[in-house]
C-alpha atoms as a PDB file:
ATOM      1  CA  ALA A   1     -44.376 -27.999 -98.660  1.00  0.00           C
ATOM      2  CA  THR A   2     -44.935 -29.673 -95.407  1.00  0.00           C
ATOM      3  CA  SER A   3     -41.224 -29.837 -94.713  1.00  0.00           C
ATOM      4  CA  ASP A   4     -40.744 -26.055 -95.434  1.00  0.00           C
ATOM      5  CA  TYR A   5     -43.682 -25.545 -93.074  1.00  0.00           C
ATOM      6  CA  ILE A   6     -42.212 -27.572 -90.360  1.00  0.00           C
ATOM      7  CA  GLU A   7     -38.892 -25.774 -90.679  1.00  0.00           C
ATOM      8  CA  SER A   8     -40.664 -22.414 -90.567  1.00  0.00           C
ATOM      9  CA  SER A   9     -42.840 -23.598 -87.742  1.00  0.00           C
ATOM     10  CA  THR A  10     -39.800 -24.817 -85.629  1.00  0.00           C
ATOM     11  CA  TYR A  11     -38.210 -21.510 -86.109  1.00  0.00           C
ATOM     12  CA  PHE A  12     -40.930 -19.739 -84.242  1.00  0.00           C
ATOM     13  CA  PRO A  13     -40.579 -21.684 -80.933  1.00  0.00           C
ATOM     14  CA  GLY A  14     -36.821 -21.496 -81.158  1.00  0.00           C
ATOM     15  CA  LEU A  15     -37.187 -17.730 -81.337  1.00  0.00           C
ATOM     16  CA  LEU A  16     -39.483 -17.919 -78.363  1.00  0.00           C
ATOM     17  CA  LEU A  17     -36.873 -20.019 -76.637  1.00  0.00           C
ATOM     18  CA  ILE A  18     -34.151 -17.430 -77.206  1.00  0.00           C
ATOM     19  CA  ILE A  19     -36.398 -14.602 -75.907  1.00  0.00           C
ATOM     20  CA  PHE A  20     -37.233 -16.681 -72.763  1.00  0.00           C
ATOM     21  CA  PHE A  21     -33.610 -17.385 -72.049  1.00  0.00           C
ATOM     22  CA  CYS A  22     -32.943 -13.583 -72.445  1.00  0.00           C
ATOM     23  CA  PHE A  23     -35.338 -12.599 -69.693  1.00  0.00           C
ATOM     24  CA  THR A  24     -34.098 -15.424 -67.568  1.00  0.00           C
ATOM     25  CA  LEU A  25     -30.548 -14.510 -67.922  1.00  0.00           C
ATOM     26  CA  LEU A  26     -31.432 -11.005 -67.267  1.00  0.00           C
ATOM     27  CA  ASN A  27     -32.164 -12.170 -63.597  1.00  0.00           C
ATOM     28  CA  LEU A  28     -35.730 -10.795 -63.536  1.00  0.00           C
ATOM     29  CA  LYS A  29     -37.722 -11.168 -60.402  1.00  0.00           C
ATOM     30  CA  PHE A  30     -39.678 -14.458 -60.244  1.00  0.00           C
ATOM     31  CA  ILE A  31     -43.052 -12.836 -60.363  1.00  0.00           C
ATOM     32  CA  TRP A  32     -42.034 -10.854 -63.576  1.00  0.00           C
ATOM     33  CA  ALA A  33     -40.509 -14.015 -65.110  1.00  0.00           C
ATOM     34  CA  SER A  34     -43.748 -15.900 -64.520  1.00  0.00           C
ATOM     35  CA  VAL A  35     -45.926 -13.139 -66.004  1.00  0.00           C
ATOM     36  CA  THR A  36     -43.651 -12.863 -69.099  1.00  0.00           C
ATOM     37  CA  GLY A  37     -43.636 -16.654 -69.591  1.00  0.00           C
ATOM     38  CA  LEU A  38     -47.414 -16.722 -69.398  1.00  0.00           C
ATOM     39  CA  ILE A  39     -47.712 -13.758 -71.858  1.00  0.00           C
ATOM     40  CA  ILE A  40     -45.396 -15.729 -74.294  1.00  0.00           C
ATOM     41  CA  ILE A  41     -47.446 -18.973 -74.029  1.00  0.00           C
ATOM     42  CA  PHE A  42     -50.781 -17.119 -74.529  1.00  0.00           C
ATOM     43  CA  SER A  43     -49.312 -15.276 -77.443  1.00  0.00           C
ATOM     44  CA  TYR A  44     -48.139 -18.408 -79.032  1.00  0.00           C
ATOM     45  CA  MET A  45     -51.503 -20.064 -78.473  1.00  0.00           C
ATOM     46  CA  ILE A  46     -53.329 -17.037 -80.024  1.00  0.00           C
ATOM     47  CA  ILE A  47     -50.952 -17.002 -83.116  1.00  0.00           C
ATOM     48  CA  ALA A  48     -51.229 -20.832 -83.552  1.00  0.00           C
ATOM     49  CA  SER A  49     -54.975 -20.881 -83.316  1.00  0.00           C
ATOM     50  CA  GLU A  50     -55.199 -18.372 -86.109  1.00  0.00           C
ATOM     51  CA  ASN A  51     -53.285 -20.688 -88.367  1.00  0.00           C
ATOM     52  CA  PRO A  52     -55.355 -23.776 -88.963  1.00  0.00           C
ATOM     53  CA  ASN A  53     -52.817 -25.322 -91.333  1.00  0.00           C
ATOM     54  CA  ILE A  54     -50.419 -26.294 -88.508  1.00  0.00           C
ATOM     55  CA  PRO A  55     -50.627 -30.021 -87.885  1.00  0.00           C
ATOM     56  CA  SER A  56     -51.974 -31.059 -84.503  1.00  0.00           C
ATOM     57  CA  ASP A  57     -48.905 -33.190 -83.658  1.00  0.00           C
ATOM     58  CA  LEU A  58     -46.595 -30.236 -84.427  1.00  0.00           C
ATOM     59  CA  LEU A  59     -48.824 -27.861 -82.434  1.00  0.00           C
ATOM     60  CA  SER A  60     -48.657 -30.328 -79.517  1.00  0.00           C
ATOM     61  CA  TYR A  61     -44.935 -30.513 -79.850  1.00  0.00           C
ATOM     62  CA  HIS A  62     -44.491 -26.800 -79.808  1.00  0.00           C
ATOM     63  CA  PHE A  63     -46.832 -26.543 -76.779  1.00  0.00           C
ATOM     64  CA  PHE A  64     -44.897 -29.200 -74.803  1.00  0.00           C
ATOM     65  CA  PHE A  65     -41.680 -27.442 -75.822  1.00  0.00           C
ATOM     66  CA  VAL A  66     -42.662 -23.982 -74.778  1.00  0.00           C
ATOM     67  CA  ILE A  67     -44.296 -25.080 -71.554  1.00  0.00           C
ATOM     68  CA  THR A  68     -41.235 -27.182 -70.643  1.00  0.00           C
ATOM     69  CA  VAL A  69     -38.883 -24.358 -71.385  1.00  0.00           C
ATOM     70  CA  GLN A  70     -41.140 -21.944 -69.483  1.00  0.00           C
ATOM     71  CA  ILE A  71     -41.265 -24.300 -66.362  1.00  0.00           C
ATOM     72  CA  PHE A  72     -37.391 -24.778 -66.552  1.00  0.00           C
ATOM     73  CA  GLY A  73     -36.925 -21.038 -66.946  1.00  0.00           C
ATOM     74  CA  MET A  74     -39.168 -20.192 -64.095  1.00  0.00           C
ATOM     75  CA  THR A  75     -37.481 -22.736 -61.853  1.00  0.00           C
ATOM     76  CA  THR A  76     -34.053 -21.578 -62.745  1.00  0.00           C
ATOM     77  CA  ASN A  77     -35.229 -17.893 -62.252  1.00  0.00           C
ATOM     78  CA  TYR A  78     -36.704 -18.824 -58.888  1.00  0.00           C
ATOM     79  CA  TYR A  79     -33.492 -20.333 -57.649  1.00  0.00           C
ATOM     80  CA  LEU A  80     -31.478 -17.395 -59.089  1.00  0.00           C
ATOM     81  CA  ASN A  81     -33.769 -14.989 -57.203  1.00  0.00           C
ATOM     82  CA  ARG A  82     -33.711 -17.069 -54.066  1.00  0.00           C
ATOM     83  CA  GLN A  83     -29.837 -17.124 -54.255  1.00  0.00           C
ATOM     84  CA  GLY A  84     -29.868 -13.380 -54.946  1.00  0.00           C
ATOM     85  CA  ARG A  85     -32.016 -12.772 -51.920  1.00  0.00           C
ATOM     86  CA  THR A  86     -29.823 -14.956 -49.795  1.00  0.00           C
ATOM     87  CA  THR A  87     -26.772 -13.201 -51.091  1.00  0.00           C
ATOM     88  CA  TYR A  88     -28.328  -9.914 -50.491  1.00  0.00           C
ATOM     89  CA  LYS A  89     -29.393 -10.694 -46.955  1.00  0.00           C
ATOM     90  CA  PHE A  90     -25.863 -12.098 -46.269  1.00  0.00           C
ATOM     91  CA  ASN A  91     -24.305  -8.954 -47.653  1.00  0.00           C
ATOM     92  CA  MET A  92     -26.725  -6.812 -45.578  1.00  0.00           C
ATOM     93  CA  LYS A  93     -25.915  -8.735 -42.533  1.00  0.00           C
ATOM     94  CA  LEU A  94     -22.221  -8.636 -43.290  1.00  0.00           C
ATOM     95  CA  ASN A  95     -22.463  -4.856 -43.696  1.00  0.00           C
ATOM     96  CA  PHE A  96     -24.261  -4.550 -40.363  1.00  0.00           C
ATOM     97  CA  GLU A  97     -21.575  -6.709 -38.796  1.00  0.00           C
ATOM     98  CA  LYS A  98     -18.955  -4.579 -40.469  1.00  0.00           C
ATOM     99  CA  GLU A  99     -20.626  -1.403 -39.077  1.00  0.00           C
ATOM    100  CA  ASP A 100     -20.684  -3.043 -35.633  1.00  0.00           C
ATOM    101  CA  ILE A 101     -17.198  -4.102 -35.861  1.00  0.00           C
ATOM    102  CA  GLU A 102     -16.179  -0.598 -36.856  1.00  0.00           C
ATOM    103  CA  THR A 103     -18.180   0.765 -33.945  1.00  0.00           C
ATOM    104  CA  TYR A 104     -16.556  -1.660 -31.596  1.00  0.00           C
ATOM    105  CA  LYS A 105     -13.175  -0.941 -33.090  1.00  0.00           C
ATOM    106  CA  GLU A 106     -13.652   2.755 -32.635  1.00  0.00           C
ATOM    107  CA  LYS A 107     -14.859   2.289 -29.100  1.00  0.00           C
ATOM    108  CA  LEU A 108     -11.951  -0.098 -28.354  1.00  0.00           C
ATOM    109  CA  GLU A 109      -9.470   2.333 -29.800  1.00  0.00           C
ATOM    110  CA  ASN A 110     -10.969   5.141 -27.541  1.00  0.00           C
ATOM    111  CA  LEU A 111     -10.803   2.845 -24.620  1.00  0.00           C
ATOM    112  CA  VAL A 112      -7.254   1.790 -25.389  1.00  0.00           C
ATOM    113  CA  ASP A 113      -6.318   5.601 -25.765  1.00  0.00           C
ATOM    114  CA  GLU A 114      -8.026   6.343 -22.423  1.00  0.00           C
ATOM    115  CA  ARG A 115      -6.256   3.430 -20.661  1.00  0.00           C
ATOM    116  CA  THR A 116      -3.055   4.348 -22.230  1.00  0.00           C
ATOM    117  CA  ASN A 117      -3.442   7.868 -20.928  1.00  0.00           C
ATOM    118  CA  ASP A 118      -4.349   6.604 -17.623  1.00  0.00           C
ATOM    119  CA  LEU A 119      -1.443   4.218 -17.523  1.00  0.00           C
ATOM    120  CA  MET A 120       0.873   6.974 -18.641  1.00  0.00           C
ATOM    121  CA  LEU A 121      -0.460   9.249 -15.912  1.00  0.00           C
ATOM    122  CA  LEU A 122      -0.238   6.435 -13.333  1.00  0.00           C
ATOM    123  CA  ASN A 123       3.305   5.531 -14.475  1.00  0.00           C
ATOM    124  CA  LEU A 124       4.261   9.210 -14.095  1.00  0.00           C
ATOM    125  CA  THR A 125       2.728   9.339 -10.670  1.00  0.00           C
ATOM    126  CA  LEU A 126       4.479   6.093  -9.713  1.00  0.00           C
ATOM    127  CA  LYS A 127       7.751   7.392 -10.899  1.00  0.00           C
ATOM    128  CA  GLU A 128       7.290  10.497  -8.793  1.00  0.00           C
ATOM    129  CA  GLU A 129       6.333   8.456  -5.796  1.00  0.00           C
ATOM    130  CA  VAL A 130       9.337   6.226  -6.287  1.00  0.00           C
ATOM    131  CA  LEU A 131      11.618   9.237  -6.658  1.00  0.00           C
ATOM    132  CA  GLU A 132       9.983  10.799  -3.498  1.00  0.00           C
ATOM    133  CA  LYS A 133      10.480   7.408  -1.552  1.00  0.00           C
ATOM    134  CA  GLU A 134      13.985   7.214  -2.700  1.00  0.00           C
ATOM    135  CA  LYS A 135      14.669  10.729  -1.408  1.00  0.00           C
ATOM    136  CA  ILE A 136      12.988   9.760   1.876  1.00  0.00           C
ATOM    137  CA  PHE A 137      14.920   6.580   2.033  1.00  0.00           C
ATOM    138  CA  ASN A 138      18.091   8.369   1.352  1.00  0.00           C
ATOM    139  CA  VAL A 139      17.352  10.942   3.961  1.00  0.00           C
ATOM    140  CA  LEU A 140      16.293   8.183   6.467  1.00  0.00           C
ATOM    141  CA  SER A 141      19.415   6.205   5.671  1.00  0.00           C
ATOM    142  CA  GLU A 142      21.535   9.304   6.110  1.00  0.00           C
ATOM    143  CA  ASN A 143      19.831  10.109   9.430  1.00  0.00           C
ATOM    144  CA  GLU A 144      20.067   6.537  10.551  1.00  0.00           C
ATOM    145  CA  VAL A 145      23.863   6.604   9.909  1.00  0.00           C
ATOM    146  CA  LYS A 146      24.085   9.990  11.836  1.00  0.00           C
ATOM    147  CA  TYR A 147      22.006   8.636  14.656  1.00  0.00           C
ATOM    148  CA  ARG A 148      23.934   5.397  14.769  1.00  0.00           C
ATOM    149  CA  ASN A 149      27.191   7.271  14.861  1.00  0.00           C
ATOM    150  CA  LEU A 150      25.796   9.595  17.545  1.00  0.00           C
ATOM    151  CA  VAL A 151      24.623   6.649  19.701  1.00  0.00           C
ATOM    152  CA  GLU A 152      27.627   4.541  19.066  1.00  0.00           C
ATOM    153  CA  ASN A 153      30.038   7.348  19.836  1.00  0.00           C
ATOM    154  CA  SER A 154      28.095   8.818  22.778  1.00  0.00           C
ATOM    155  CA  ALA A 155      30.000   9.175  26.132  1.00  0.00           C
ATOM    156  CA  GLU A 156      26.715   8.008  27.875  1.00  0.00           C
ATOM    157  CA  SER A 157      25.933   4.355  27.800  1.00  0.00           C
ATOM    158  CA  MET A 158      22.612   3.507  26.249  1.00  0.00           C
ATOM    159  CA  VAL A 159      20.539   0.204  26.307  1.00  0.00           C
ATOM    160  CA  VAL A 160      17.058  -0.956  25.259  1.00  0.00           C
ATOM    161  CA  LEU A 161      15.531  -3.422  27.594  1.00  0.00           C
ATOM    162  CA  GLN A 162      12.591  -5.665  26.445  1.00  0.00           C
ATOM    163  CA  ASP A 163      11.412  -8.764  28.342  1.00  0.00           C
ATOM    164  CA  SER A 164      14.373  -8.460  30.697  1.00  0.00           C
ATOM    165  CA  LYS A 165      16.709  -8.754  27.640  1.00  0.00           C
ATOM    166  CA  LEU A 166      19.195  -6.238  26.425  1.00  0.00           C
ATOM    167  CA  VAL A 167      17.977  -5.983  22.822  1.00  0.00           C
ATOM    168  CA  PHE A 168      20.181  -3.047  21.992  1.00  0.00           C
ATOM    169  CA  VAL A 169      23.410  -1.629  23.528  1.00  0.00           C
ATOM    170  CA  ASN A 170      25.947   0.945  22.321  1.00  0.00           C
ATOM    171  CA  ARG A 171      29.507   0.758  22.310  1.00  0.00           C
ATOM    172  CA  SER A 172      29.912   2.753  25.514  1.00  0.00           C
ATOM    173  CA  PHE A 173      27.954   0.113  27.501  1.00  0.00           C
ATOM    174  CA  LEU A 174      30.312  -2.653  26.044  1.00  0.00           C
ATOM    175  CA  ASP A 175      33.278  -0.638  27.106  1.00  0.00           C
ATOM    176  CA  PHE A 176      31.785   0.009  30.467  1.00  0.00           C
ATOM    177  CA  THR A 177      30.886  -3.566  31.220  1.00  0.00           C
ATOM    178  CA  GLY A 178      33.708  -5.227  29.296  1.00  0.00           C
ATOM    179  CA  VAL A 179      31.464  -7.758  27.430  1.00  0.00           C
ATOM    180  CA  THR A 180      30.642  -8.458  23.844  1.00  0.00           C
ATOM    181  CA  ASN A 181      27.336  -8.549  21.971  1.00  0.00           C
ATOM    182  CA  ALA A 182      27.535 -12.338  21.797  1.00  0.00           C
ATOM    183  CA  TYR A 183      27.755 -12.498  25.586  1.00  0.00           C
ATOM    184  CA  LEU A 184      24.542 -10.465  25.856  1.00  0.00           C
ATOM    185  CA  GLU A 185      22.472 -13.145  24.234  1.00  0.00           C
ATOM    186  CA  ASN A 186      22.650 -15.410  27.186  1.00  0.00           C
ATOM    187  CA  VAL A 187      22.058 -12.826  30.079  1.00  0.00           C
ATOM    188  CA  THR A 188      19.472 -10.445  31.386  1.00  0.00           C
ATOM    189  CA  PHE A 189      19.943  -6.994  32.500  1.00  0.00           C
ATOM    190  CA  LEU A 190      19.675  -8.124  36.211  1.00  0.00           C
ATOM    191  CA  ASP A 191      22.987  -9.894  35.749  1.00  0.00           C
ATOM    192  CA  PHE A 192      24.611  -6.441  35.562  1.00  0.00           C
ATOM    193  CA  ILE A 193      22.792  -5.067  38.699  1.00  0.00           C
ATOM    194  CA  HIS A 194      24.386  -5.116  42.157  1.00  0.00           C
ATOM    195  CA  GLY A 195      22.541  -7.654  44.436  1.00  0.00           C
ATOM    196  CA  GLU A 196      21.375  -4.943  46.876  1.00  0.00           C
ATOM    197  CA  ASP A 197      19.866  -2.997  43.952  1.00  0.00           C
ATOM    198  CA  LYS A 198      18.085  -5.717  41.972  1.00  0.00           C
ATOM    199  CA  GLU A 199      14.792  -5.270  43.705  1.00  0.00           C
ATOM    200  CA  LYS A 200      14.879  -1.560  43.126  1.00  0.00           C
ATOM    201  CA  ALA A 201      15.679  -2.139  39.356  1.00  0.00           C
ATOM    202  CA  ILE A 202      12.916  -4.687  39.019  1.00  0.00           C
ATOM    203  CA  LYS A 203      10.308  -2.353  40.501  1.00  0.00           C
ATOM    204  CA  LYS A 204      11.452   0.649  38.361  1.00  0.00           C
ATOM    205  CA  TYR A 205      11.318  -1.475  35.172  1.00  0.00           C
ATOM    206  CA  SER A 206       7.963  -2.855  35.932  1.00  0.00           C
ATOM    207  CA  GLU A 207       6.621   0.701  36.571  1.00  0.00           C
ATOM    208  CA  ARG A 208       7.826   1.954  33.209  1.00  0.00           C
ATOM    209  CA  ILE A 209       6.537  -1.094  31.275  1.00  0.00           C
ATOM    210  CA  ASN A 210       3.082  -0.907  32.886  1.00  0.00           C
ATOM    211  CA  ASN A 211       2.696   2.784  32.165  1.00  0.00           C
ATOM    212  CA  GLU A 212       2.793   3.565  35.943  1.00  0.00           C
ATOM    213  CA  LYS A 213       5.779   5.926  35.411  1.00  0.00           C
ATOM    214  CA  MET A 214       6.874   6.995  31.937  1.00  0.00           C
ATOM    215  CA  HIS A 215      10.125   8.611  32.877  1.00  0.00           C
ATOM    216  CA  ASP A 216      12.304   7.935  35.785  1.00  0.00           C
ATOM    217  CA  LYS A 217      15.740   8.955  37.204  1.00  0.00           C
ATOM    218  CA  TYR A 218      17.605   7.259  40.007  1.00  0.00           C
ATOM    219  CA  ASN A 219      21.065   5.883  41.040  1.00  0.00           C
ATOM    220  CA  LEU A 220      22.083   2.128  41.428  1.00  0.00           C
ATOM    221  CA  ARG A 221      25.252   0.068  41.065  1.00  0.00           C
ATOM    222  CA  LEU A 222      26.200  -1.786  37.878  1.00  0.00           C
ATOM    223  CA  ILE A 223      28.713  -4.706  37.811  1.00  0.00           C
ATOM    224  CA  ASN A 224      31.166  -5.413  35.002  1.00  0.00           C
ATOM    225  CA  LYS A 225      32.370  -8.778  33.938  1.00  0.00           C
ATOM    226  CA  PHE A 226      35.176  -8.675  36.516  1.00  0.00           C
ATOM    227  CA  GLY A 227      32.617  -8.334  39.419  1.00  0.00           C
ATOM    228  CA  MET A 228      33.555  -4.740  40.140  1.00  0.00           C
ATOM    229  CA  TYR A 229      30.675  -2.395  40.601  1.00  0.00           C
ATOM    230  CA  ARG A 230      30.312   1.341  39.684  1.00  0.00           C
ATOM    231  CA  TRP A 231      27.639   3.755  40.599  1.00  0.00           C
ATOM    232  CA  VAL A 232      25.592   5.027  37.734  1.00  0.00           C
ATOM    233  CA  GLU A 233      22.734   7.531  37.272  1.00  0.00           C
ATOM    234  CA  ILE A 234      19.914   6.057  35.397  1.00  0.00           C
ATOM    235  CA  ASN A 235      17.665   8.089  33.116  1.00  0.00           C
ATOM    236  CA  ALA A 236      14.952   5.774  31.733  1.00  0.00           C
ATOM    237  CA  SER A 237      11.678   6.094  29.692  1.00  0.00           C
ATOM    238  CA  ARG A 238       9.081   3.821  28.121  1.00  0.00           C
ATOM    239  CA  VAL A 239       9.246   3.357  24.383  1.00  0.00           C
ATOM    240  CA  ILE A 240       7.895   1.066  21.619  1.00  0.00           C
ATOM    241  CA  TRP A 241      10.681  -1.107  20.175  1.00  0.00           C
ATOM    242  CA  GLU A 242       9.691  -3.343  17.222  1.00  0.00           C
ATOM    243  CA  LYS A 243       5.943  -2.938  18.089  1.00  0.00           C
ATOM    244  CA  LYS A 244       6.430  -4.061  21.750  1.00  0.00           C
ATOM    245  CA  PRO A 245       6.882  -2.142  24.902  1.00  0.00           C
ATOM    246  CA  ALA A 246      10.470  -1.659  26.038  1.00  0.00           C
ATOM    247  CA  SER A 247      12.607   0.546  28.302  1.00  0.00           C
ATOM    248  CA  LEU A 248      15.056   3.039  26.916  1.00  0.00           C
ATOM    249  CA  VAL A 249      17.839   3.586  29.422  1.00  0.00           C
ATOM    250  CA  PHE A 250      20.767   6.180  29.481  1.00  0.00           C
ATOM    251  CA  PHE A 251      23.142   5.923  32.249  1.00  0.00           C
ATOM    252  CA  ARG A 252      26.448   7.630  33.200  1.00  0.00           C
ATOM    253  CA  ASP A 253      29.122   6.792  35.610  1.00  0.00           C
ATOM    254  CA  VAL A 254      28.731   8.846  38.851  1.00  0.00           C
ATOM    255  CA  THR A 255      31.070   6.787  41.047  1.00  0.00           C
ATOM    256  CA  ASP A 256      33.403   9.787  41.689  1.00  0.00           C
ATOM    257  CA  LYS A 257      30.521  12.136  42.346  1.00  0.00           C
ATOM    258  CA  LYS A 258      29.152   9.546  44.858  1.00  0.00           C
ATOM    259  CA  ILE A 259      32.579   9.228  46.561  1.00  0.00           C
ATOM    260  CA  ILE A 260      32.682  13.023  46.895  1.00  0.00           C
ATOM    261  CA  GLU A 261      29.122  13.178  48.308  1.00  0.00           C
ATOM    262  CA  ASP A 262      29.784  10.321  50.675  1.00  0.00           C
ATOM    263  CA  SER A 263      33.059  12.170  51.838  1.00  0.00           C
ATOM    264  CA  LEU A 264      31.114  15.474  52.363  1.00  0.00           C
ATOM    265  CA  ARG A 265      28.475  13.700  54.301  1.00  0.00           C
ATOM    266  CA  GLU A 266      31.131  11.856  56.484  1.00  0.00           C
ATOM    267  CA  SER A 267      32.945  15.252  57.003  1.00  0.00           C
ATOM    268  CA  GLU A 268      29.677  16.957  57.872  1.00  0.00           C
ATOM    269  CA  LYS A 269      28.821  14.172  60.320  1.00  0.00           C
ATOM    270  CA  LYS A 270      32.420  14.565  61.912  1.00  0.00           C
ATOM    271  CA  TYR A 271      31.969  18.360  61.925  1.00  0.00           C
ATOM    272  CA  ARG A 272      28.547  17.977  63.640  1.00  0.00           C
ATOM    273  CA  THR A 273      29.884  15.606  66.129  1.00  0.00           C
ATOM    274  CA  PHE A 274      32.688  17.958  66.950  1.00  0.00           C
ATOM    275  CA  ILE A 275      30.356  20.937  67.261  1.00  0.00           C
ATOM    276  CA  GLU A 276      27.722  19.209  69.321  1.00  0.00           C
ATOM    277  CA  ASN A 277      30.394  17.800  71.779  1.00  0.00           C
ATOM    278  CA  ALA A 278      32.209  21.130  72.235  1.00  0.00           C
ATOM    279  CA  HIS A 279      32.317  22.670  75.791  1.00  0.00           C
ATOM    280  CA  ASP A 280      32.006  26.093  74.346  1.00  0.00           C
ATOM    281  CA  SER A 281      28.891  27.691  72.819  1.00  0.00           C
ATOM    282  CA  ILE A 282      29.251  27.675  68.963  1.00  0.00           C
ATOM    283  CA  PHE A 283      26.717  29.110  66.562  1.00  0.00           C
ATOM    284  CA  LEU A 284      26.562  30.331  62.956  1.00  0.00           C
ATOM    285  CA  MET A 285      25.005  33.692  62.037  1.00  0.00           C
ATOM    286  CA  ASN A 286      24.097  35.690  58.981  1.00  0.00           C
ATOM    287  CA  GLU A 287      23.272  39.339  59.311  1.00  0.00           C
ATOM    288  CA  ARG A 288      22.487  38.940  62.946  1.00  0.00           C
ATOM    289  CA  ILE A 289      20.340  35.881  62.437  1.00  0.00           C
ATOM    290  CA  PHE A 290      21.017  32.536  63.944  1.00  0.00           C
ATOM    291  CA  LEU A 291      21.498  29.937  61.235  1.00  0.00           C
ATOM    292  CA  ASP A 292      22.871  27.054  63.292  1.00  0.00           C
ATOM    293  CA  CYS A 293      24.127  26.282  66.767  1.00  0.00           C
ATOM    294  CA  ASN A 294      25.288  23.494  69.101  1.00  0.00           C
ATOM    295  CA  ARG A 295      23.657  22.067  72.238  1.00  0.00           C
ATOM    296  CA  ARG A 296      25.870  24.400  74.510  1.00  0.00           C
ATOM    297  CA  THR A 297      24.254  27.414  72.752  1.00  0.00           C
ATOM    298  CA  LEU A 298      20.743  26.073  73.394  1.00  0.00           C
ATOM    299  CA  LYS A 299      21.627  25.587  77.058  1.00  0.00           C
ATOM    300  CA  MET A 300      23.061  28.980  77.316  1.00  0.00           C
ATOM    301  CA  PHE A 301      19.950  30.701  75.905  1.00  0.00           C
ATOM    302  CA  ALA A 302      17.647  28.185  77.606  1.00  0.00           C
ATOM    303  CA  CYS A 303      15.730  27.398  74.389  1.00  0.00           C
ATOM    304  CA  GLU A 304      14.949  24.795  71.776  1.00  0.00           C
ATOM    305  CA  TYR A 305      16.677  24.581  68.417  1.00  0.00           C
ATOM    306  CA  ASP A 306      13.626  25.601  66.562  1.00  0.00           C
ATOM    307  CA  ASP A 307      13.251  28.588  68.782  1.00  0.00           C
ATOM    308  CA  ILE A 308      16.521  30.024  67.941  1.00  0.00           C
ATOM    309  CA  ILE A 309      17.057  29.447  64.310  1.00  0.00           C
ATOM    310  CA  GLY A 310      16.044  32.432  62.188  1.00  0.00           C
ATOM    311  CA  VAL A 311      15.928  34.696  65.246  1.00  0.00           C
ATOM    312  CA  SER A 312      18.090  37.669  66.128  1.00  0.00           C
ATOM    313  CA  PRO A 313      20.217  37.502  69.382  1.00  0.00           C
ATOM    314  CA  VAL A 314      18.444  40.707  70.533  1.00  0.00           C
ATOM    315  CA  GLU A 315      15.375  38.571  71.205  1.00  0.00           C
ATOM    316  CA  PHE A 316      17.417  36.777  73.956  1.00  0.00           C
ATOM    317  CA  SER A 317      18.837  39.893  75.626  1.00  0.00           C
ATOM    318  CA  PRO A 318      17.980  40.338  79.384  1.00  0.00           C
ATOM    319  CA  GLN A 319      15.929  43.530  78.602  1.00  0.00           C
ATOM    320  CA  ASN A 320      13.490  41.491  76.445  1.00  0.00           C
END
């Protein structure tokens, strides 16, 4: 009888154990697991106290077993709940970070799109600028070729003077002087000026460089490599050449003109000498007005040269 009672008595705590593990495996919150465990213990104590036939050692065994299982179940449930809270917090944090990442991703995509559009616009602008610069460069290159051809093939000689050096000359100057570009590296422009005209050339050049006279026009003599000189008409102006002041000089050969002018002056001198030394009165008139006369005429009218020029002969008649 006692054995049957023990078997029936052990069945009851086993059933309680199954129930306890059920609420533990259901992952109840710790507070509810604790309350449930206490309810089970007190229920077992009430039922056991109503049955005086249960031996005290068996009752102690059952109490120890139930309390041990309760403590173990509560501890297990506590760690399960703690792990669940940790997992929940981690998942929440992960969700927040995912949302932040998505926000940053969206902002980054928008920023990339904006930068891409800006770069595309900038690229288009740069292409247009490159094309425009290419057009300008082509035009400048074409104009440079035209200008160089114009300068090189000009009948007038052209040079650029800077620091007394010939930094640029055209072909006409080389032909005029009979020198080469290599020869010009070791000489100054004064080496091509006639000795009697060097002081004049230095003065004119200094006035242009110092802004005292921007443009100038005068004649002087240039010497070629054979030592022969030719009269040239200089037309010079101040310019900026490679960021430094310089003198742009055009000149043309006026030797023949100079010879003709000298011949005319010589002829005029001879004519004047002949007229002045003539024994007869000689004068030049235009519409009854004296334009010129010799000394014999002045003596005849008993007047000075300034008194007769521009005056009618009537003014010198005996009646007046």
